Each structure stands twice: as C-alpha cells, then as structure tokens.
Amino acid sequence: MSPLESKTALAGRARRILAALRKAYPDAHVPLNYMNPFELLVGTILAAQCTDKKVNEITPGLFARYGSPAGFAGASLPELESEIRPTGFFRNKALALKESAQDLVEKHGGTVPDTMEALTALRGVGRKTASVVLGYAFGKPAIIVDTHFIRLSRRMGLTREFEPGKIETDIAGLLPKTGWTSFSLLMTWHGRATCTARKPKCGACPVGRWCPAKATDGVITWKVKTPGPDGRGAKEKGPRSKRPGPLKGRRTRS
C-alpha cells in the first residue's frame, strides 16, 4: 500500500484481486472434511499447527467413536489425547475439544451457535476458529485470518498490520461482506499454490498486476512503526509478518 494510495483505490484493487482469484481457483473448497458445524469445529481445532490432510485422516475415527458434543464432553481426556496425538499439541487440543463440547452441551443444548460472540465464549475457541465455522458451516460473512492470509494481505499491500484483529478490520473495510468468506478461502488456496512463504511464484501469479510485491519477488519493502518497549517511543518493524506462535503449555484458542 503506497502512502499516496487512497482507500477508494485500495478497495478497488482488493476487489480486482478477489475477482482474479475466483477465476484462478474455480474449484476452491474447504479442505477439511465435515458433515455439520460441530464436525467443522472439531476439525478446525485440530488443524492448528497441523496439515488438513492429517486432520482428515484422524476425524473419521473420532466422529465414529464420539459422534456428538455429548460424546466428546464425556470422553476420557487421556484417551482423547491418544486419538489425536498425530495432529501435534495433542494435550492442549484434547482439552479444547472436551471443554468446548461441555460448553455446547451445558449452554447450547448440544447445538453449535451461529454468532461470533457465542462461539468465542466457548472454551478453547478463538476468533479464527469461530470465523471458519461461521463462514463455511453457516454461510455468514467472515474473514478468516490464518498464516496464509496474514502473509498475502501484507504482500499485496492491503494492510500494514501484523495483528490478526487489525488485519481483519482493514480487509473488512475494503471488500463487501458478500466477498469476505470467499476471499479468505481463495487467499489460503493462493498461498499454498502460488504465493508461498519462501519462494512465491510471482512470475505465474494471477494477481501480479495488482500486487506491489511482484516487482521485488514477494519481498515487502516498506516498514511500519510500532510502539517501543517503554510504550513511548517507536521503532521500525518489518518486513516480515509475525507468525502465530506454537501452542506451548497453554490452552489453545485458535
């Protein structure tokens, strides 16, 4: 984003990028296998720091054994940990699955709610997971800020922010609500297929004509100022985006 680029121009560029991504990835779909909102919730919790392929290998057995929120709520924690161990960070994830399922049973009659407020109130469920469920399971407008979305939105100059919440706010101001969910999905597909982290394929990029990073092979050249350690000064930060840290010894809220 050039300092001289108006918000109107930026919004126009974002819409052209969305249109080009739709054309480039007509078969884009949610990579997690699920049959209902609860199964998507489970899959999304397990997908933190894990591939969708591995999650899809694990979930059929989980759903066959536990089935519903009530089943997960009553599951033995050690057994649940053993079942999901291949997904990594299995202790935190097992606790998140069990506690969120308990909340669903106790507070929502075993039904997954369809509002951001209710979903993020579930133990172990953060804004990204809630956005996935809202956007893909319920068809509600949602911006899903994952690692691909952070990297691409910054490379494309659509935001200068590092924090997911601020990035979400920036993008929400550029696109109509009807395009939020599809933009999120397409950015993930584009991030995996073309705009990769280490070696983006800028020469073959379907949105290169609207991406300022193409001229530098995906390297972000601008920097942003953030408050210094004492909260008073400012220091230069950039060009790399912060990646969400691993789930270390704490309850996960993906």
Protein backbone atom coordinates (compact mmCIF):
# COMPACT_ATOMS: atom_id res chain seq x y z
CA MET A 1 0.00 0.00 0.00
CA SER A 2 1.59 3.22 -1.14
CA PRO A 3 1.27 6.20 1.22
CA LEU A 4 -0.39 8.00 -1.69
CA GLU A 5 -2.93 5.26 -2.40
CA SER A 6 -6.40 6.30 -1.30
CA LYS A 7 -8.73 3.91 0.46
CA THR A 8 -11.01 4.01 -2.58
CA ALA A 9 -8.15 2.95 -4.85
CA LEU A 10 -7.09 0.28 -2.37
CA ALA A 11 -10.63 -1.09 -2.20
CA GLY A 12 -10.79 -1.20 -5.98
CA ARG A 13 -7.54 -3.14 -6.10
CA ALA A 14 -8.78 -5.58 -3.45
CA ARG A 15 -11.93 -6.26 -5.47
CA ARG A 16 -9.92 -6.89 -8.63
CA ILE A 17 -7.69 -9.29 -6.72
CA LEU A 18 -10.77 -11.14 -5.44
CA ALA A 19 -12.20 -11.41 -8.97
CA ALA A 20 -8.88 -12.71 -10.33
CA LEU A 21 -8.55 -15.30 -7.54
CA ARG A 22 -12.09 -16.55 -8.23
CA LYS A 23 -11.15 -17.06 -11.85
CA ALA A 24 -7.82 -18.69 -11.00
CA TYR A 25 -9.24 -21.15 -8.45
CA PRO A 26 -12.77 -22.05 -9.58
CA ASP A 27 -12.68 -25.35 -7.69
CA ALA A 28 -11.53 -23.91 -4.36
CA HIS A 29 -13.24 -25.62 -1.46
CA VAL A 30 -12.87 -26.05 2.28
CA PRO A 31 -10.03 -28.58 2.71
CA LEU A 32 -11.42 -30.08 5.94
CA ASN A 33 -13.97 -32.88 5.63
CA TYR A 34 -17.11 -32.34 7.70
CA MET A 35 -20.83 -33.07 7.68
CA ASN A 36 -22.11 -30.46 10.13
CA PRO A 37 -20.97 -27.38 12.10
CA PHE A 38 -19.73 -29.43 15.04
CA GLU A 39 -17.51 -31.61 12.87
CA LEU A 40 -16.04 -28.48 11.29
CA LEU A 41 -15.44 -27.02 14.75
CA VAL A 42 -13.57 -30.16 15.79
CA GLY A 43 -11.55 -30.25 12.57
CA THR A 44 -10.58 -26.61 12.85
CA ILE A 45 -9.36 -27.01 16.42
CA LEU A 46 -7.25 -29.99 15.34
CA ALA A 47 -5.88 -28.13 12.29
CA ALA A 48 -3.86 -25.66 14.39
CA GLN A 49 -0.18 -26.28 13.53
CA CYS A 50 -1.22 -29.38 11.57
CA THR A 51 -1.98 -30.19 7.93
CA ASP A 52 -5.56 -30.55 6.76
CA LYS A 53 -4.62 -33.92 5.25
CA LYS A 54 -3.58 -35.30 8.64
CA VAL A 55 -6.73 -33.91 10.29
CA ASN A 56 -8.89 -35.58 7.65
CA GLU A 57 -7.17 -38.88 8.43
CA ILE A 58 -7.96 -38.54 12.13
CA THR A 59 -11.50 -37.17 12.22
CA PRO A 60 -13.44 -40.14 10.73
CA GLY A 61 -12.38 -42.32 13.66
CA LEU A 62 -13.11 -39.55 16.16
CA PHE A 63 -16.60 -38.93 14.83
CA ALA A 64 -17.35 -42.65 14.70
CA ARG A 65 -16.31 -43.07 18.33
CA TYR A 66 -17.63 -39.89 19.96
CA GLY A 67 -20.11 -38.56 17.41
CA SER A 68 -21.73 -35.60 19.12
CA PRO A 69 -20.81 -32.82 21.55
CA ALA A 70 -22.14 -35.03 24.35
CA GLY A 71 -19.77 -37.79 23.29
CA PHE A 72 -16.75 -35.51 23.27
CA ALA A 73 -17.82 -33.90 26.55
CA GLY A 74 -17.87 -37.30 28.26
CA ALA A 75 -14.68 -38.59 26.67
CA SER A 76 -11.73 -39.67 28.77
CA LEU A 77 -9.09 -36.99 28.36
CA PRO A 78 -6.16 -39.45 28.16
CA GLU A 79 -7.99 -41.50 25.52
CA LEU A 80 -8.86 -38.39 23.53
CA GLU A 81 -5.24 -37.27 23.70
CA SER A 82 -4.15 -40.65 22.35
CA GLU A 83 -6.66 -40.45 19.48
CA ILE A 84 -5.47 -37.04 18.27
CA ARG A 85 -1.77 -37.37 19.09
CA PRO A 86 -0.68 -37.36 15.39
CA THR A 87 -2.03 -33.81 14.98
CA GLY A 88 0.51 -32.37 17.42
CA PHE A 89 -0.05 -30.33 20.61
CA PHE A 90 -2.50 -33.08 21.47
CA ARG A 91 -2.88 -32.25 25.17
CA ASN A 92 -3.99 -28.68 24.53
CA LYS A 93 -6.21 -29.74 21.64
CA ALA A 94 -7.84 -32.57 23.59
CA LEU A 95 -8.65 -30.18 26.42
CA ALA A 96 -10.06 -27.64 23.95
CA LEU A 97 -12.25 -30.31 22.32
CA LYS A 98 -13.57 -31.63 25.61
CA GLU A 99 -14.20 -28.24 27.22
CA SER A 100 -15.82 -26.67 24.15
CA ALA A 101 -18.06 -29.74 23.85
CA GLN A 102 -19.02 -29.41 27.51
CA ASP A 103 -19.95 -25.77 26.93
CA LEU A 104 -22.06 -26.75 23.92
CA VAL A 105 -23.95 -29.34 25.96
CA GLU A 106 -24.41 -27.19 29.06
CA LYS A 107 -25.10 -23.83 27.44
CA HIS A 108 -26.46 -24.55 23.96
CA GLY A 109 -28.24 -27.89 24.20
CA GLY A 110 -25.55 -29.61 22.16
CA THR A 111 -26.00 -27.26 19.19
CA VAL A 112 -23.20 -25.14 17.75
CA PRO A 113 -24.22 -21.46 17.96
CA ASP A 114 -24.04 -19.25 14.89
CA THR A 115 -22.76 -15.96 16.31
CA MET A 116 -19.22 -14.76 16.87
CA GLU A 117 -19.96 -13.82 20.48
CA ALA A 118 -21.34 -17.25 21.39
CA LEU A 119 -18.64 -19.18 19.56
CA THR A 120 -15.72 -17.28 21.06
CA ALA A 121 -17.28 -17.72 24.50
CA LEU A 122 -16.72 -21.47 24.16
CA ARG A 123 -13.61 -22.65 25.96
CA GLY A 124 -10.79 -23.40 23.53
CA VAL A 125 -12.37 -21.46 20.65
CA GLY A 126 -10.77 -18.26 19.38
CA ARG A 127 -11.81 -15.81 16.71
CA LYS A 128 -10.17 -17.63 13.79
CA THR A 129 -11.90 -20.92 14.57
CA ALA A 130 -15.19 -19.11 15.10
CA SER A 131 -14.80 -17.36 11.74
CA VAL A 132 -14.18 -20.69 10.00
CA VAL A 133 -17.39 -22.13 11.45
CA LEU A 134 -19.43 -19.02 10.72
CA GLY A 135 -18.18 -18.65 7.16
CA TYR A 136 -18.09 -22.24 5.98
CA ALA A 137 -20.70 -24.05 8.09
CA PHE A 138 -23.29 -21.28 8.42
CA GLY A 139 -22.59 -19.23 5.29
CA LYS A 140 -22.23 -15.99 7.23
CA PRO A 141 -19.74 -13.28 6.20
CA ALA A 142 -16.43 -13.96 7.92
CA ILE A 143 -12.80 -13.01 7.39
CA ILE A 144 -10.55 -15.90 8.37
CA VAL A 145 -7.10 -14.61 9.21
CA ASP A 146 -4.72 -17.59 9.08
CA THR A 147 -0.99 -17.57 8.34
CA HIS A 148 -1.58 -17.51 4.58
CA PHE A 149 -3.99 -14.59 4.90
CA ILE A 150 -1.53 -12.59 7.02
CA ARG A 151 1.33 -13.16 4.59
CA LEU A 152 -0.63 -12.47 1.42
CA SER A 153 -2.60 -9.46 2.58
CA ARG A 154 0.65 -7.78 3.65
CA ARG A 155 2.50 -8.73 0.46
CA MET A 156 -0.36 -7.39 -1.62
CA GLY A 157 -0.22 -4.13 0.29
CA LEU A 158 -3.79 -4.45 1.52
CA THR A 159 -2.68 -3.91 5.12
CA ARG A 160 0.42 -2.90 7.03
CA GLU A 161 -0.70 -4.56 10.24
CA PHE A 162 0.77 -7.60 11.97
CA GLU A 163 -2.01 -8.47 14.41
CA PRO A 164 -4.87 -10.68 13.07
CA GLY A 165 -7.61 -8.50 14.55
CA LYS A 166 -6.25 -5.36 12.92
CA ILE A 167 -5.75 -7.14 9.60
CA GLU A 168 -9.35 -8.34 9.74
CA THR A 169 -10.54 -4.78 10.31
CA ASP A 170 -8.50 -3.45 7.39
CA ILE A 171 -9.78 -6.05 4.93
CA ALA A 172 -13.36 -5.68 6.13
CA GLY A 173 -13.17 -2.04 5.12
CA LEU A 174 -12.06 -2.88 1.58
CA LEU A 175 -14.46 -5.61 0.49
CA PRO A 176 -18.25 -6.04 0.66
CA LYS A 177 -19.43 -8.55 3.25
CA THR A 178 -20.58 -10.88 0.47
CA GLY A 179 -16.95 -11.39 -0.53
CA TRP A 180 -15.35 -11.88 2.89
CA THR A 181 -15.61 -15.67 3.18
CA SER A 182 -14.67 -16.46 -0.41
CA PHE A 183 -11.72 -14.05 -0.23
CA SER A 184 -10.49 -15.85 2.88
CA LEU A 185 -10.74 -19.27 1.23
CA LEU A 186 -9.13 -18.12 -2.01
CA MET A 187 -6.25 -16.44 -0.21
CA THR A 188 -5.48 -19.75 1.50
CA TRP A 189 -5.54 -21.61 -1.81
CA HIS A 190 -3.38 -18.94 -3.45
CA GLY A 191 -0.94 -19.02 -0.53
CA ARG A 192 -0.47 -22.75 -0.89
CA ALA A 193 -0.34 -22.92 -4.69
CA THR A 194 1.45 -19.74 -5.76
CA CYS A 195 2.21 -17.11 -3.13
CA THR A 196 4.24 -19.44 -0.93
CA ALA A 197 6.19 -18.27 2.08
CA ARG A 198 9.76 -18.84 0.93
CA LYS A 199 9.61 -18.72 -2.85
CA PRO A 200 6.47 -17.01 -4.18
CA LYS A 201 5.86 -17.72 -7.86
CA CYS A 202 5.41 -14.09 -8.79
CA GLY A 203 6.01 -14.75 -12.48
CA ALA A 204 2.97 -17.03 -12.64
CA CYS A 205 0.78 -15.08 -10.23
CA PRO A 206 -2.78 -14.42 -11.45
CA VAL A 207 -2.98 -11.22 -9.36
CA GLY A 208 0.55 -9.97 -10.03
CA ARG A 209 -0.61 -6.91 -11.94
CA TRP A 210 -2.26 -5.62 -8.76
CA CYS A 211 0.40 -6.74 -6.30
CA PRO A 212 3.23 -4.32 -5.41
CA ALA A 213 5.39 -7.19 -4.14
CA LYS A 214 5.71 -8.72 -7.62
CA ALA A 215 8.42 -6.23 -8.55
CA THR A 216 10.53 -7.47 -5.63
CA ASP A 217 9.71 -11.21 -5.94
CA GLY A 218 7.40 -11.19 -2.95
CA VAL A 219 9.62 -9.17 -0.60
CA ILE A 220 7.82 -6.46 1.34
CA THR A 221 9.99 -3.37 1.17
CA TRP A 222 8.11 -0.99 3.45
CA LYS A 223 8.29 -0.86 7.22
CA VAL A 224 5.85 0.23 9.87
CA LYS A 225 6.37 1.99 13.17
CA THR A 226 5.22 0.33 16.35
CA PRO A 227 5.46 1.47 19.99
CA GLY A 228 8.82 0.85 21.61
CA PRO A 229 9.35 -1.35 24.68
CA ASP A 230 8.59 1.53 27.01
CA GLY A 231 5.38 2.36 25.17
CA ARG A 232 6.53 5.90 24.42
CA GLY A 233 8.95 5.78 21.55
CA ALA A 234 8.70 3.98 18.24
CA LYS A 235 10.86 1.54 16.38
CA GLU A 236 10.90 0.31 12.83
CA LYS A 237 9.34 -3.10 12.30
CA GLY A 238 9.30 -5.19 9.15
CA PRO A 239 9.38 -6.51 6.57
CA ARG A 240 8.34 -9.97 7.76
CA SER A 241 4.98 -10.73 9.28
CA LYS A 242 4.77 -12.28 12.71
CA ARG A 243 3.66 -15.88 12.62
CA PRO A 244 1.30 -17.15 15.30
CA GLY A 245 3.37 -18.86 17.96
CA PRO A 246 3.05 -22.56 18.78
CA LEU A 247 0.68 -23.85 21.39
CA LYS A 248 3.11 -24.05 24.30
CA GLY A 249 1.81 -25.15 27.66
CA ARG A 250 -1.43 -23.25 27.48
CA ARG A 251 -5.00 -23.78 26.47
CA THR A 252 -5.48 -23.16 22.81
CA ARG A 253 -7.94 -20.66 21.47
CA SER A 254 -7.45 -20.98 17.74
